[in-house]
Amino acid sequence: MKQIINGKTYNTATMTTLASVDRYNNGNWCGDDSIRVTSRGAYAYVRTSNGQDLYREESIEAINQGEIAGRIEGWKLNDEEVALLQQHGVGEDA
């Protein structure tokens, strides 16, 4: 998925995923939400969909570094995700 937001190109194929969470509807996987960063350091909140949930749409939303912690509140992060987020200034030891 590719989108231009405020003159910046966000391409999920080339972005680095910092953290993600699977989303389910009625027990069936329907996509995921993720925090990603472009090669130029622009952050985005990305929603993917498997197309089976009529209410879930794919999207890219430009966000800033300060919004990341609020977006991932309640997510169960693995050690790699915690380390990546800390490298980007998000987290307890950032």
N, C-alpha and C. Protein backbone atom coordinates (compact mmCIF):
# COMPACT_ATOMS: atom_id res chain seq x y z
N MET A 1 0.85 -1.16 0.00
CA MET A 1 0.00 0.00 0.00
C MET A 1 0.90 1.23 0.00
N LYS A 2 0.52 2.20 -0.79
CA LYS A 2 1.32 3.43 -0.92
C LYS A 2 0.37 4.62 -0.86
N GLN A 3 0.82 5.66 -0.14
CA GLN A 3 -0.01 6.85 0.00
C GLN A 3 0.89 8.07 0.20
N ILE A 4 0.49 9.20 -0.36
CA ILE A 4 1.20 10.46 -0.15
C ILE A 4 0.40 11.28 0.84
N ILE A 5 1.05 11.67 1.95
CA ILE A 5 0.41 12.46 3.00
C ILE A 5 1.29 13.67 3.27
N ASN A 6 0.73 14.85 3.12
CA ASN A 6 1.47 16.10 3.34
C ASN A 6 2.79 16.14 2.57
N GLY A 7 2.77 15.64 1.34
CA GLY A 7 3.94 15.67 0.48
C GLY A 7 4.97 14.59 0.75
N LYS A 8 4.70 13.70 1.71
CA LYS A 8 5.62 12.60 2.03
C LYS A 8 5.01 11.29 1.54
N THR A 9 5.86 10.44 0.94
CA THR A 9 5.38 9.16 0.45
C THR A 9 5.54 8.09 1.52
N TYR A 10 4.45 7.40 1.80
CA TYR A 10 4.43 6.29 2.74
C TYR A 10 4.15 5.03 1.94
N ASN A 11 5.12 4.11 1.91
CA ASN A 11 5.00 2.87 1.15
C ASN A 11 5.23 1.71 2.11
N THR A 12 4.19 0.97 2.41
CA THR A 12 4.32 -0.09 3.40
C THR A 12 5.30 -1.18 2.98
N ALA A 13 5.55 -1.31 1.69
CA ALA A 13 6.49 -2.33 1.21
C ALA A 13 7.93 -1.99 1.59
N THR A 14 8.22 -0.72 1.81
CA THR A 14 9.60 -0.32 2.11
C THR A 14 9.77 0.23 3.53
N MET A 15 8.68 0.34 4.27
CA MET A 15 8.77 0.86 5.64
C MET A 15 9.22 -0.23 6.60
N THR A 16 9.83 0.19 7.71
CA THR A 16 10.23 -0.73 8.77
C THR A 16 9.12 -0.78 9.81
N THR A 17 8.71 -1.98 10.18
CA THR A 17 7.69 -2.15 11.21
C THR A 17 8.36 -2.14 12.57
N LEU A 18 7.93 -1.22 13.44
CA LEU A 18 8.49 -1.12 14.78
C LEU A 18 7.71 -1.99 15.76
N ALA A 19 6.40 -2.06 15.60
CA ALA A 19 5.55 -2.89 16.47
C ALA A 19 4.24 -3.16 15.74
N SER A 20 3.64 -4.30 16.03
CA SER A 20 2.36 -4.62 15.40
C SER A 20 1.51 -5.49 16.32
N VAL A 21 0.22 -5.47 16.05
CA VAL A 21 -0.73 -6.29 16.81
C VAL A 21 -1.76 -6.85 15.83
N ASP A 22 -2.05 -8.14 15.97
CA ASP A 22 -3.07 -8.77 15.13
C ASP A 22 -4.44 -8.35 15.62
N ARG A 23 -5.38 -8.21 14.70
CA ARG A 23 -6.76 -7.85 15.03
C ARG A 23 -7.69 -8.97 14.60
N TYR A 24 -8.68 -9.22 15.43
CA TYR A 24 -9.63 -10.30 15.19
C TYR A 24 -11.06 -9.77 15.27
N ASN A 25 -11.95 -10.40 14.52
CA ASN A 25 -13.37 -10.10 14.58
C ASN A 25 -14.10 -11.44 14.67
N ASN A 26 -14.87 -11.64 15.73
CA ASN A 26 -15.56 -12.91 15.97
C ASN A 26 -14.60 -14.10 15.94
N GLY A 27 -13.40 -13.89 16.46
CA GLY A 27 -12.41 -14.97 16.53
C GLY A 27 -11.62 -15.21 15.27
N ASN A 28 -11.91 -14.48 14.20
CA ASN A 28 -11.21 -14.66 12.93
C ASN A 28 -10.24 -13.50 12.70
N TRP A 29 -9.02 -13.83 12.29
CA TRP A 29 -8.03 -12.80 12.01
C TRP A 29 -8.53 -11.94 10.85
N CYS A 30 -8.49 -10.63 11.03
CA CYS A 30 -8.99 -9.74 9.97
C CYS A 30 -7.94 -8.73 9.51
N GLY A 31 -6.78 -8.71 10.14
CA GLY A 31 -5.72 -7.79 9.74
C GLY A 31 -4.84 -7.44 10.91
N ASP A 32 -4.06 -6.39 10.76
CA ASP A 32 -3.24 -5.94 11.88
C ASP A 32 -3.10 -4.43 11.87
N ASP A 33 -2.68 -3.92 13.01
CA ASP A 33 -2.34 -2.51 13.17
C ASP A 33 -0.86 -2.48 13.48
N SER A 34 -0.16 -1.49 12.95
CA SER A 34 1.27 -1.42 13.20
C SER A 34 1.76 0.02 13.22
N ILE A 35 2.88 0.20 13.88
CA ILE A 35 3.62 1.45 13.86
C ILE A 35 4.80 1.20 12.94
N ARG A 36 4.94 2.05 11.93
CA ARG A 36 6.02 1.88 10.96
C ARG A 36 6.75 3.20 10.76
N VAL A 37 7.96 3.09 10.22
CA VAL A 37 8.77 4.28 9.97
C VAL A 37 9.35 4.19 8.55
N THR A 38 9.37 5.32 7.86
CA THR A 38 9.95 5.37 6.52
C THR A 38 11.47 5.48 6.63
N SER A 39 12.14 5.32 5.51
CA SER A 39 13.60 5.44 5.50
C SER A 39 14.07 6.85 5.84
N ARG A 40 13.17 7.81 5.71
CA ARG A 40 13.50 9.21 6.05
C ARG A 40 13.02 9.62 7.44
N GLY A 41 12.51 8.64 8.20
CA GLY A 41 12.15 8.91 9.59
C GLY A 41 10.75 9.39 9.85
N ALA A 42 9.84 9.26 8.89
CA ALA A 42 8.45 9.65 9.10
C ALA A 42 7.70 8.45 9.67
N TYR A 43 6.92 8.67 10.72
CA TYR A 43 6.19 7.60 11.39
C TYR A 43 4.76 7.51 10.86
N ALA A 44 4.21 6.29 10.93
CA ALA A 44 2.84 6.08 10.46
C ALA A 44 2.17 4.97 11.27
N TYR A 45 0.87 5.12 11.43
CA TYR A 45 0.02 4.09 12.00
C TYR A 45 -0.66 3.42 10.81
N VAL A 46 -0.41 2.13 10.63
CA VAL A 46 -0.87 1.41 9.43
C VAL A 46 -1.88 0.34 9.84
N ARG A 47 -3.01 0.32 9.15
CA ARG A 47 -4.04 -0.71 9.34
C ARG A 47 -4.10 -1.56 8.07
N THR A 48 -4.00 -2.87 8.23
CA THR A 48 -4.16 -3.77 7.10
C THR A 48 -5.44 -4.56 7.28
N SER A 49 -5.95 -5.13 6.21
CA SER A 49 -7.18 -5.90 6.25
C SER A 49 -7.04 -7.10 5.32
N ASN A 50 -7.64 -8.22 5.74
CA ASN A 50 -7.64 -9.37 4.84
C ASN A 50 -8.83 -9.31 3.88
N GLY A 51 -9.66 -8.26 4.00
CA GLY A 51 -10.77 -8.06 3.09
C GLY A 51 -12.05 -8.78 3.47
N GLN A 52 -12.02 -9.55 4.54
CA GLN A 52 -13.21 -10.30 4.93
C GLN A 52 -14.07 -9.57 5.95
N ASP A 53 -13.52 -8.56 6.60
CA ASP A 53 -14.27 -7.76 7.56
C ASP A 53 -14.73 -6.49 6.86
N LEU A 54 -16.01 -6.36 6.63
CA LEU A 54 -16.54 -5.23 5.87
C LEU A 54 -16.31 -3.89 6.55
N TYR A 55 -16.06 -3.89 7.85
CA TYR A 55 -15.90 -2.64 8.59
C TYR A 55 -14.44 -2.23 8.76
N ARG A 56 -13.51 -3.07 8.35
CA ARG A 56 -12.09 -2.78 8.51
C ARG A 56 -11.51 -2.37 7.16
N GLU A 57 -10.95 -1.19 7.10
CA GLU A 57 -10.36 -0.70 5.87
C GLU A 57 -8.86 -0.52 6.05
N GLU A 58 -8.11 -0.72 4.99
CA GLU A 58 -6.68 -0.48 5.03
C GLU A 58 -6.42 1.02 5.02
N SER A 59 -5.45 1.45 5.80
CA SER A 59 -5.14 2.87 5.84
C SER A 59 -3.74 3.13 6.36
N ILE A 60 -3.24 4.30 6.02
CA ILE A 60 -1.98 4.80 6.54
C ILE A 60 -2.27 6.18 7.13
N GLU A 61 -1.89 6.37 8.38
CA GLU A 61 -2.10 7.66 9.04
C GLU A 61 -0.74 8.18 9.51
N ALA A 62 -0.36 9.34 9.05
CA ALA A 62 0.89 9.95 9.49
C ALA A 62 0.76 10.35 10.96
N ILE A 63 1.75 9.99 11.76
CA ILE A 63 1.77 10.35 13.17
C ILE A 63 3.16 10.89 13.51
N ASN A 64 3.28 11.52 14.67
CA ASN A 64 4.60 11.96 15.11
C ASN A 64 5.09 11.05 16.23
N GLN A 65 6.34 11.18 16.56
CA GLN A 65 6.97 10.31 17.56
C GLN A 65 6.23 10.35 18.89
N GLY A 66 5.74 11.52 19.28
CA GLY A 66 5.05 11.66 20.55
C GLY A 66 3.72 10.93 20.63
N GLU A 67 3.13 10.56 19.51
CA GLU A 67 1.85 9.86 19.49
C GLU A 67 1.99 8.35 19.59
N ILE A 68 3.18 7.83 19.39
CA ILE A 68 3.37 6.38 19.31
C ILE A 68 2.96 5.68 20.61
N ALA A 69 3.43 6.16 21.75
CA ALA A 69 3.15 5.50 23.02
C ALA A 69 1.65 5.35 23.26
N GLY A 70 0.88 6.37 22.94
CA GLY A 70 -0.57 6.29 23.11
C GLY A 70 -1.22 5.31 22.17
N ARG A 71 -0.68 5.17 20.97
CA ARG A 71 -1.25 4.25 19.98
C ARG A 71 -1.01 2.79 20.33
N ILE A 72 0.10 2.51 21.03
CA ILE A 72 0.44 1.11 21.33
C ILE A 72 0.06 0.70 22.75
N GLU A 73 -0.62 1.58 23.46
CA GLU A 73 -1.03 1.27 24.82
C GLU A 73 -1.88 0.00 24.83
N GLY A 74 -1.50 -0.96 25.66
CA GLY A 74 -2.22 -2.23 25.76
C GLY A 74 -1.72 -3.32 24.83
N TRP A 75 -0.83 -2.98 23.90
CA TRP A 75 -0.29 -4.00 23.00
C TRP A 75 0.71 -4.86 23.77
N LYS A 76 0.76 -6.15 23.45
CA LYS A 76 1.76 -7.05 24.03
C LYS A 76 2.96 -7.06 23.09
N LEU A 77 4.03 -6.38 23.49
CA LEU A 77 5.21 -6.24 22.64
C LEU A 77 6.24 -7.31 22.97
N ASN A 78 6.91 -7.81 21.94
CA ASN A 78 8.01 -8.74 22.19
C ASN A 78 9.29 -7.93 22.40
N ASP A 79 10.37 -8.62 22.78
CA ASP A 79 11.63 -7.93 23.10
C ASP A 79 12.18 -7.14 21.92
N GLU A 80 12.03 -7.68 20.72
CA GLU A 80 12.53 -6.99 19.53
C GLU A 80 11.76 -5.68 19.28
N GLU A 81 10.46 -5.73 19.45
CA GLU A 81 9.65 -4.53 19.28
C GLU A 81 10.00 -3.47 20.32
N VAL A 82 10.18 -3.88 21.57
CA VAL A 82 10.56 -2.95 22.63
C VAL A 82 11.89 -2.29 22.28
N ALA A 83 12.86 -3.08 21.83
CA ALA A 83 14.18 -2.55 21.47
C ALA A 83 14.08 -1.56 20.30
N LEU A 84 13.29 -1.90 19.28
CA LEU A 84 13.13 -1.00 18.13
C LEU A 84 12.48 0.31 18.54
N LEU A 85 11.45 0.23 19.37
CA LEU A 85 10.77 1.44 19.83
C LEU A 85 11.71 2.31 20.66
N GLN A 86 12.51 1.68 21.51
CA GLN A 86 13.47 2.43 22.32
C GLN A 86 14.51 3.12 21.45
N GLN A 87 14.93 2.47 20.38
CA GLN A 87 15.87 3.10 19.44
C GLN A 87 15.28 4.35 18.82
N HIS A 88 13.95 4.40 18.75
CA HIS A 88 13.27 5.55 18.17
C HIS A 88 12.73 6.50 19.23
N GLY A 89 13.22 6.33 20.45
CA GLY A 89 12.87 7.27 21.51
C GLY A 89 11.53 7.05 22.17
N VAL A 90 11.00 5.83 22.05
CA VAL A 90 9.71 5.52 22.64
C VAL A 90 9.91 4.40 23.69
N GLY A 91 9.44 4.61 24.89
CA GLY A 91 9.55 3.59 25.91
C GLY A 91 10.24 4.09 27.16
N GLU A 92 10.28 3.24 28.16
CA GLU A 92 10.81 3.60 29.46
C GLU A 92 12.29 3.99 29.43
N ASP A 93 13.07 3.25 28.67
CA ASP A 93 14.53 3.49 28.67
C ASP A 93 14.97 4.28 27.43
N ALA A 94 14.05 4.95 26.79
CA ALA A 94 14.38 5.67 25.57
C ALA A 94 15.34 6.81 25.81
